[in-house]
Amino acid sequence: MATLSLSEVILAVIIGTLAAIVYSLRVLILLERRVAGMESNIERMTNRVLKEETIIEKAILKKPKKIKRKKSKR
């Protein structure tokens, strides 16, 4: 069997470490994309809720129409 010299072992460790760093960056990018998608969905939902709230507020703030009541004969 061939024995590895010290420089070959160090080189293998460095290459392994770099591969682990690249893989972890790939995972981080995928997670960031997923979080960005969730943020955009949350933003769309809050915009819808805001529109509904303004509609409700406008409906509440409108003065109710006065109902004319007939005078009762007494």
PDB file of N, CA and C in Angstrom:
ATOM      1  N   MET A   1       0.833  -1.185   0.000  1.00  0.00           N
ATOM      2  CA  MET A   1       0.000   0.000   0.000  1.00  0.00           C
ATOM      3  C   MET A   1       0.875   1.244   0.000  1.00  0.00           C
ATOM      4  N   ALA A   2       0.356   2.235  -0.641  1.00  0.00           N
ATOM      5  CA  ALA A   2       1.103   3.481  -0.693  1.00  0.00           C
ATOM      6  C   ALA A   2       0.817   4.264   0.567  1.00  0.00           C
ATOM      7  N   THR A   3       1.825   4.814   1.125  1.00  0.00           N
ATOM      8  CA  THR A   3       1.653   5.648   2.310  1.00  0.00           C
ATOM      9  C   THR A   3       1.598   7.105   1.870  1.00  0.00           C
ATOM     10  N   LEU A   4       0.796   7.850   2.593  1.00  0.00           N
ATOM     11  CA  LEU A   4       0.656   9.267   2.271  1.00  0.00           C
ATOM     12  C   LEU A   4       1.671  10.067   3.066  1.00  0.00           C
ATOM     13  N   SER A   5       2.280  11.012   2.411  1.00  0.00           N
ATOM     14  CA  SER A   5       3.221  11.869   3.116  1.00  0.00           C
ATOM     15  C   SER A   5       2.429  12.929   3.884  1.00  0.00           C
ATOM     16  N   LEU A   6       3.098  13.625   4.725  1.00  0.00           N
ATOM     17  CA  LEU A   6       2.467  14.640   5.560  1.00  0.00           C
ATOM     18  C   LEU A   6       1.834  15.739   4.717  1.00  0.00           C
ATOM     19  N   SER A   7       2.490  16.176   3.663  1.00  0.00           N
ATOM     20  CA  SER A   7       1.944  17.239   2.824  1.00  0.00           C
ATOM     21  C   SER A   7       0.682  16.774   2.099  1.00  0.00           C
ATOM     22  N   GLU A   8       0.623  15.490   1.700  1.00  0.00           N
ATOM     23  CA  GLU A   8      -0.577  14.974   1.055  1.00  0.00           C
ATOM     24  C   GLU A   8      -1.752  14.917   2.025  1.00  0.00           C
ATOM     25  N   VAL A   9      -1.488  14.565   3.268  1.00  0.00           N
ATOM     26  CA  VAL A   9      -2.545  14.519   4.284  1.00  0.00           C
ATOM     27  C   VAL A   9      -3.071  15.924   4.553  1.00  0.00           C
ATOM     28  N   ILE A  10      -2.176  16.880   4.692  1.00  0.00           N
ATOM     29  CA  ILE A  10      -2.585  18.263   4.938  1.00  0.00           C
ATOM     30  C   ILE A  10      -3.410  18.781   3.758  1.00  0.00           C
ATOM     31  N   LEU A  11      -2.979  18.473   2.534  1.00  0.00           N
ATOM     32  CA  LEU A  11      -3.713  18.892   1.348  1.00  0.00           C
ATOM     33  C   LEU A  11      -5.103  18.264   1.313  1.00  0.00           C
ATOM     34  N   ALA A  12      -5.211  16.999   1.698  1.00  0.00           N
ATOM     35  CA  ALA A  12      -6.517  16.331   1.728  1.00  0.00           C
ATOM     36  C   ALA A  12      -7.435  16.965   2.764  1.00  0.00           C
ATOM     37  N   VAL A  13      -6.907  17.336   3.899  1.00  0.00           N
ATOM     38  CA  VAL A  13      -7.703  17.987   4.946  1.00  0.00           C
ATOM     39  C   VAL A  13      -8.187  19.348   4.474  1.00  0.00           C
ATOM     40  N   ILE A  14      -7.332  20.096   3.818  1.00  0.00           N
ATOM     41  CA  ILE A  14      -7.705  21.417   3.320  1.00  0.00           C
ATOM     42  C   ILE A  14      -8.801  21.289   2.259  1.00  0.00           C
ATOM     43  N   ILE A  15      -8.658  20.348   1.353  1.00  0.00           N
ATOM     44  CA  ILE A  15      -9.665  20.155   0.304  1.00  0.00           C
ATOM     45  C   ILE A  15     -10.993  19.713   0.922  1.00  0.00           C
ATOM     46  N   GLY A  16     -10.942  18.841   1.909  1.00  0.00           N
ATOM     47  CA  GLY A  16     -12.162  18.415   2.595  1.00  0.00           C
ATOM     48  C   GLY A  16     -12.855  19.568   3.300  1.00  0.00           C
ATOM     49  N   THR A  17     -12.072  20.433   3.931  1.00  0.00           N
ATOM     50  CA  THR A  17     -12.627  21.599   4.617  1.00  0.00           C
ATOM     51  C   THR A  17     -13.277  22.563   3.625  1.00  0.00           C
ATOM     52  N   LEU A  18     -12.622  22.780   2.503  1.00  0.00           N
ATOM     53  CA  LEU A  18     -13.202  23.655   1.482  1.00  0.00           C
ATOM     54  C   LEU A  18     -14.495  23.073   0.918  1.00  0.00           C
ATOM     55  N   ALA A  19     -14.526  21.775   0.718  1.00  0.00           N
ATOM     56  CA  ALA A  19     -15.751  21.141   0.221  1.00  0.00           C
ATOM     57  C   ALA A  19     -16.885  21.301   1.236  1.00  0.00           C
ATOM     58  N   ALA A  20     -16.581  21.168   2.522  1.00  0.00           N
ATOM     59  CA  ALA A  20     -17.610  21.349   3.555  1.00  0.00           C
ATOM     60  C   ALA A  20     -18.117  22.789   3.575  1.00  0.00           C
ATOM     61  N   ILE A  21     -17.227  23.739   3.394  1.00  0.00           N
ATOM     62  CA  ILE A  21     -17.633  25.149   3.366  1.00  0.00           C
ATOM     63  C   ILE A  21     -18.541  25.421   2.171  1.00  0.00           C
ATOM     64  N   VAL A  22     -18.191  24.892   1.011  1.00  0.00           N
ATOM     65  CA  VAL A  22     -19.015  25.090  -0.186  1.00  0.00           C
ATOM     66  C   VAL A  22     -20.391  24.477   0.017  1.00  0.00           C
ATOM     67  N   TYR A  23     -20.446  23.284   0.585  1.00  0.00           N
ATOM     68  CA  TYR A  23     -21.738  22.628   0.815  1.00  0.00           C
ATOM     69  C   TYR A  23     -22.593  23.424   1.798  1.00  0.00           C
ATOM     70  N   SER A  24     -21.982  23.925   2.871  1.00  0.00           N
ATOM     71  CA  SER A  24     -22.748  24.691   3.856  1.00  0.00           C
ATOM     72  C   SER A  24     -23.260  26.004   3.253  1.00  0.00           C
ATOM     73  N   LEU A  25     -22.486  26.634   2.382  1.00  0.00           N
ATOM     74  CA  LEU A  25     -22.962  27.841   1.706  1.00  0.00           C
ATOM     75  C   LEU A  25     -24.137  27.524   0.797  1.00  0.00           C
ATOM     76  N   ARG A  26     -24.091  26.370   0.143  1.00  0.00           N
ATOM     77  CA  ARG A  26     -25.210  25.956  -0.711  1.00  0.00           C
ATOM     78  C   ARG A  26     -26.477  25.791   0.118  1.00  0.00           C
ATOM     79  N   VAL A  27     -26.350  25.166   1.271  1.00  0.00           N
ATOM     80  CA  VAL A  27     -27.504  24.976   2.157  1.00  0.00           C
ATOM     81  C   VAL A  27     -28.029  26.327   2.646  1.00  0.00           C
ATOM     82  N   LEU A  28     -27.144  27.233   3.001  1.00  0.00           N
ATOM     83  CA  LEU A  28     -27.556  28.554   3.458  1.00  0.00           C
ATOM     84  C   LEU A  28     -28.297  29.324   2.367  1.00  0.00           C
ATOM     85  N   ILE A  29     -27.853  29.212   1.138  1.00  0.00           N
ATOM     86  CA  ILE A  29     -28.528  29.901   0.037  1.00  0.00           C
ATOM     87  C   ILE A  29     -29.923  29.338  -0.157  1.00  0.00           C
ATOM     88  N   LEU A  30     -30.062  28.017  -0.092  1.00  0.00           N
ATOM     89  CA  LEU A  30     -31.385  27.408  -0.236  1.00  0.00           C
ATOM     90  C   LEU A  30     -32.325  27.851   0.880  1.00  0.00           C
ATOM     91  N   LEU A  31     -31.810  27.904   2.109  1.00  0.00           N
ATOM     92  CA  LEU A  31     -32.640  28.363   3.228  1.00  0.00           C
ATOM     93  C   LEU A  31     -33.021  29.824   3.070  1.00  0.00           C
ATOM     94  N   GLU A  32     -32.102  30.644   2.583  1.00  0.00           N
ATOM     95  CA  GLU A  32     -32.394  32.065   2.399  1.00  0.00           C
ATOM     96  C   GLU A  32     -33.486  32.255   1.358  1.00  0.00           C
ATOM     97  N   ARG A  33     -33.455  31.471   0.294  1.00  0.00           N
ATOM     98  CA  ARG A  33     -34.501  31.563  -0.725  1.00  0.00           C
ATOM     99  C   ARG A  33     -35.847  31.169  -0.145  1.00  0.00           C
ATOM    100  N   ARG A  34     -35.849  30.134   0.672  1.00  0.00           N
ATOM    101  CA  ARG A  34     -37.102  29.685   1.284  1.00  0.00           C
ATOM    102  C   ARG A  34     -37.663  30.761   2.215  1.00  0.00           C
ATOM    103  N   VAL A  35     -36.807  31.380   3.003  1.00  0.00           N
ATOM    104  CA  VAL A  35     -37.240  32.441   3.917  1.00  0.00           C
ATOM    105  C   VAL A  35     -37.739  33.647   3.137  1.00  0.00           C
ATOM    106  N   ALA A  36     -37.075  33.975   2.032  1.00  0.00           N
ATOM    107  CA  ALA A  36     -37.516  35.109   1.212  1.00  0.00           C
ATOM    108  C   ALA A  36     -38.901  34.843   0.644  1.00  0.00           C
ATOM    109  N   GLY A  37     -39.163  33.615   0.245  1.00  0.00           N
ATOM    110  CA  GLY A  37     -40.498  33.265  -0.246  1.00  0.00           C
ATOM    111  C   GLY A  37     -41.544  33.417   0.838  1.00  0.00           C
ATOM    112  N   MET A  38     -41.212  32.983   2.053  1.00  0.00           N
ATOM    113  CA  MET A  38     -42.155  33.128   3.166  1.00  0.00           C
ATOM    114  C   MET A  38     -42.410  34.602   3.468  1.00  0.00           C
ATOM    115  N   GLU A  39     -41.364  35.415   3.424  1.00  0.00           N
ATOM    116  CA  GLU A  39     -41.525  36.842   3.688  1.00  0.00           C
ATOM    117  C   GLU A  39     -42.441  37.499   2.663  1.00  0.00           C
ATOM    118  N   SER A  40     -42.291  37.125   1.395  1.00  0.00           N
ATOM    119  CA  SER A  40     -43.157  37.729   0.378  1.00  0.00           C
ATOM    120  C   SER A  40     -44.602  37.289   0.574  1.00  0.00           C
ATOM    121  N   ASN A  41     -44.814  36.035   0.971  1.00  0.00           N
ATOM    122  CA  ASN A  41     -46.179  35.577   1.241  1.00  0.00           C
ATOM    123  C   ASN A  41     -46.786  36.322   2.422  1.00  0.00           C
ATOM    124  N   ILE A  42     -46.003  36.518   3.467  1.00  0.00           N
ATOM    125  CA  ILE A  42     -46.485  37.247   4.645  1.00  0.00           C
ATOM    126  C   ILE A  42     -46.806  38.689   4.267  1.00  0.00           C
ATOM    127  N   GLU A  43     -45.972  39.294   3.438  1.00  0.00           N
ATOM    128  CA  GLU A  43     -46.213  40.677   3.020  1.00  0.00           C
ATOM    129  C   GLU A  43     -47.514  40.781   2.224  1.00  0.00           C
ATOM    130  N   ARG A  44     -47.755  39.826   1.324  1.00  0.00           N
ATOM    131  CA  ARG A  44     -49.004  39.835   0.557  1.00  0.00           C
ATOM    132  C   ARG A  44     -50.212  39.672   1.475  1.00  0.00           C
ATOM    133  N   MET A  45     -50.092  38.791   2.466  1.00  0.00           N
ATOM    134  CA  MET A  45     -51.205  38.571   3.389  1.00  0.00           C
ATOM    135  C   MET A  45     -51.483  39.823   4.212  1.00  0.00           C
ATOM    136  N   THR A  46     -50.439  40.488   4.680  1.00  0.00           N
ATOM    137  CA  THR A  46     -50.656  41.695   5.472  1.00  0.00           C
ATOM    138  C   THR A  46     -51.257  42.807   4.632  1.00  0.00           C
ATOM    139  N   ASN A  47     -50.890  42.886   3.357  1.00  0.00           N
ATOM    140  CA  ASN A  47     -51.500  43.893   2.484  1.00  0.00           C
ATOM    141  C   ASN A  47     -52.988  43.622   2.306  1.00  0.00           C
ATOM    142  N   ARG A  48     -53.368  42.362   2.174  1.00  0.00           N
ATOM    143  CA  ARG A  48     -54.788  42.021   2.054  1.00  0.00           C
ATOM    144  C   ARG A  48     -55.544  42.385   3.324  1.00  0.00           C
ATOM    145  N   VAL A  49     -54.941  42.083   4.473  1.00  0.00           N
ATOM    146  CA  VAL A  49     -55.583  42.400   5.746  1.00  0.00           C
ATOM    147  C   VAL A  49     -55.734  43.911   5.896  1.00  0.00           C
ATOM    148  N   LEU A  50     -54.717  44.657   5.485  1.00  0.00           N
ATOM    149  CA  LEU A  50     -54.767  46.115   5.571  1.00  0.00           C
ATOM    150  C   LEU A  50     -55.894  46.672   4.708  1.00  0.00           C
ATOM    151  N   LYS A  51     -56.059  46.130   3.501  1.00  0.00           N
ATOM    152  CA  LYS A  51     -57.149  46.583   2.639  1.00  0.00           C
ATOM    153  C   LYS A  51     -58.501  46.304   3.287  1.00  0.00           C
ATOM    154  N   GLU A  52     -58.644  45.116   3.869  1.00  0.00           N
ATOM    155  CA  GLU A  52     -59.909  44.776   4.529  1.00  0.00           C
ATOM    156  C   GLU A  52     -60.164  45.697   5.719  1.00  0.00           C
ATOM    157  N   GLU A  53     -59.118  46.005   6.468  1.00  0.00           N
ATOM    158  CA  GLU A  53     -59.275  46.891   7.623  1.00  0.00           C
ATOM    159  C   GLU A  53     -59.723  48.280   7.187  1.00  0.00           C
ATOM    160  N   THR A  54     -59.150  48.802   6.110  1.00  0.00           N
ATOM    161  CA  THR A  54     -59.563  50.131   5.658  1.00  0.00           C
ATOM    162  C   THR A  54     -61.008  50.111   5.186  1.00  0.00           C
ATOM    163  N   ILE A  55     -61.427  49.038   4.545  1.00  0.00           N
ATOM    164  CA  ILE A  55     -62.826  48.929   4.120  1.00  0.00           C
ATOM    165  C   ILE A  55     -63.740  48.920   5.335  1.00  0.00           C
ATOM    166  N   ILE A  56     -63.367  48.168   6.364  1.00  0.00           N
ATOM    167  CA  ILE A  56     -64.179  48.090   7.578  1.00  0.00           C
ATOM    168  C   ILE A  56     -64.206  49.439   8.284  1.00  0.00           C
ATOM    169  N   GLU A  57     -63.057  50.101   8.371  1.00  0.00           N
ATOM    170  CA  GLU A  57     -63.011  51.407   9.029  1.00  0.00           C
ATOM    171  C   GLU A  57     -63.874  52.429   8.300  1.00  0.00           C
ATOM    172  N   LYS A  58     -63.849  52.413   6.981  1.00  0.00           N
ATOM    173  CA  LYS A  58     -64.683  53.336   6.228  1.00  0.00           C
ATOM    174  C   LYS A  58     -66.159  53.057   6.467  1.00  0.00           C
ATOM    175  N   ALA A  59     -66.498  51.782   6.558  1.00  0.00           N
ATOM    176  CA  ALA A  59     -67.895  51.426   6.797  1.00  0.00           C
ATOM    177  C   ALA A  59     -68.337  51.854   8.189  1.00  0.00           C
ATOM    178  N   ILE A  60     -67.458  51.769   9.164  1.00  0.00           N
ATOM    179  CA  ILE A  60     -67.796  52.157  10.534  1.00  0.00           C
ATOM    180  C   ILE A  60     -67.889  53.676  10.655  1.00  0.00           C
ATOM    181  N   LEU A  61     -66.997  54.389   9.993  1.00  0.00           N
ATOM    182  CA  LEU A  61     -66.956  55.840  10.135  1.00  0.00           C
ATOM    183  C   LEU A  61     -68.071  56.553   9.382  1.00  0.00           C
ATOM    184  N   LYS A  62     -68.680  55.890   8.427  1.00  0.00           N
ATOM    185  CA  LYS A  62     -69.793  56.522   7.721  1.00  0.00           C
ATOM    186  C   LYS A  62     -70.934  56.747   8.696  1.00  0.00           C
ATOM    187  N   LYS A  63     -71.550  57.907   8.583  1.00  0.00           N
ATOM    188  CA  LYS A  63     -72.665  58.203   9.469  1.00  0.00           C
ATOM    189  C   LYS A  63     -73.855  57.358   9.048  1.00  0.00           C
ATOM    190  N   PRO A  64     -74.480  56.731   9.988  1.00  0.00           N
ATOM    191  CA  PRO A  64     -75.656  55.946   9.600  1.00  0.00           C
ATOM    192  C   PRO A  64     -76.779  56.871   9.157  1.00  0.00           C
ATOM    193  N   LYS A  65     -77.522  56.448   8.182  1.00  0.00           N
ATOM    194  CA  LYS A  65     -78.628  57.261   7.676  1.00  0.00           C
ATOM    195  C   LYS A  65     -79.740  57.280   8.706  1.00  0.00           C
ATOM    196  N   LYS A  66     -80.295  58.471   8.889  1.00  0.00           N
ATOM    197  CA  LYS A  66     -81.379  58.598   9.850  1.00  0.00           C
ATOM    198  C   LYS A  66     -82.646  58.028   9.237  1.00  0.00           C
ATOM    199  N   ILE A  67     -83.309  57.227  10.005  1.00  0.00           N
ATOM    200  CA  ILE A  67     -84.557  56.618   9.549  1.00  0.00           C
ATOM    201  C   ILE A  67     -85.702  57.497   9.997  1.00  0.00           C
ATOM    202  N   LYS A  68     -86.510  57.899   9.044  1.00  0.00           N
ATOM    203  CA  LYS A  68     -87.663  58.719   9.379  1.00  0.00           C
ATOM    204  C   LYS A  68     -88.750  57.812   9.954  1.00  0.00           C
ATOM    205  N   ARG A  69     -89.205  58.194  11.118  1.00  0.00           N
ATOM    206  CA  ARG A  69     -90.248  57.405  11.750  1.00  0.00           C
ATOM    207  C   ARG A  69     -91.580  58.118  11.578  1.00  0.00           C
ATOM    208  N   LYS A  70     -92.566  57.336  11.356  1.00  0.00           N
ATOM    209  CA  LYS A  70     -93.893  57.901  11.230  1.00  0.00           C
ATOM    210  C   LYS A  70     -94.388  58.321  12.598  1.00  0.00           C
ATOM    211  N   LYS A  71     -95.076  59.440  12.604  1.00  0.00           N
ATOM    212  CA  LYS A  71     -95.623  59.906  13.869  1.00  0.00           C
ATOM    213  C   LYS A  71     -96.807  59.029  14.230  1.00  0.00           C
ATOM    214  N   SER A  72     -96.774  58.577  15.422  1.00  0.00           N
ATOM    215  CA  SER A  72     -97.894  57.711  15.850  1.00  0.00           C
ATOM    216  C   SER A  72     -99.058  58.586  16.294  1.00  0.00           C
ATOM    217  N   LYS A  73    -100.248  58.120  16.028  1.00  0.00           N
ATOM    218  CA  LYS A  73    -101.442  58.859  16.412  1.00  0.00           C
ATOM    219  C   LYS A  73    -101.830  58.443  17.822  1.00  0.00           C
ATOM    220  N   ARG A  74    -101.874  59.419  18.679  1.00  0.00           N
ATOM    221  CA  ARG A  74    -102.234  59.132  20.078  1.00  0.00           C
ATOM    222  C   ARG A  74    -103.405  59.927  20.475  1.00  0.00           C
TER     223      ARG A  74
END
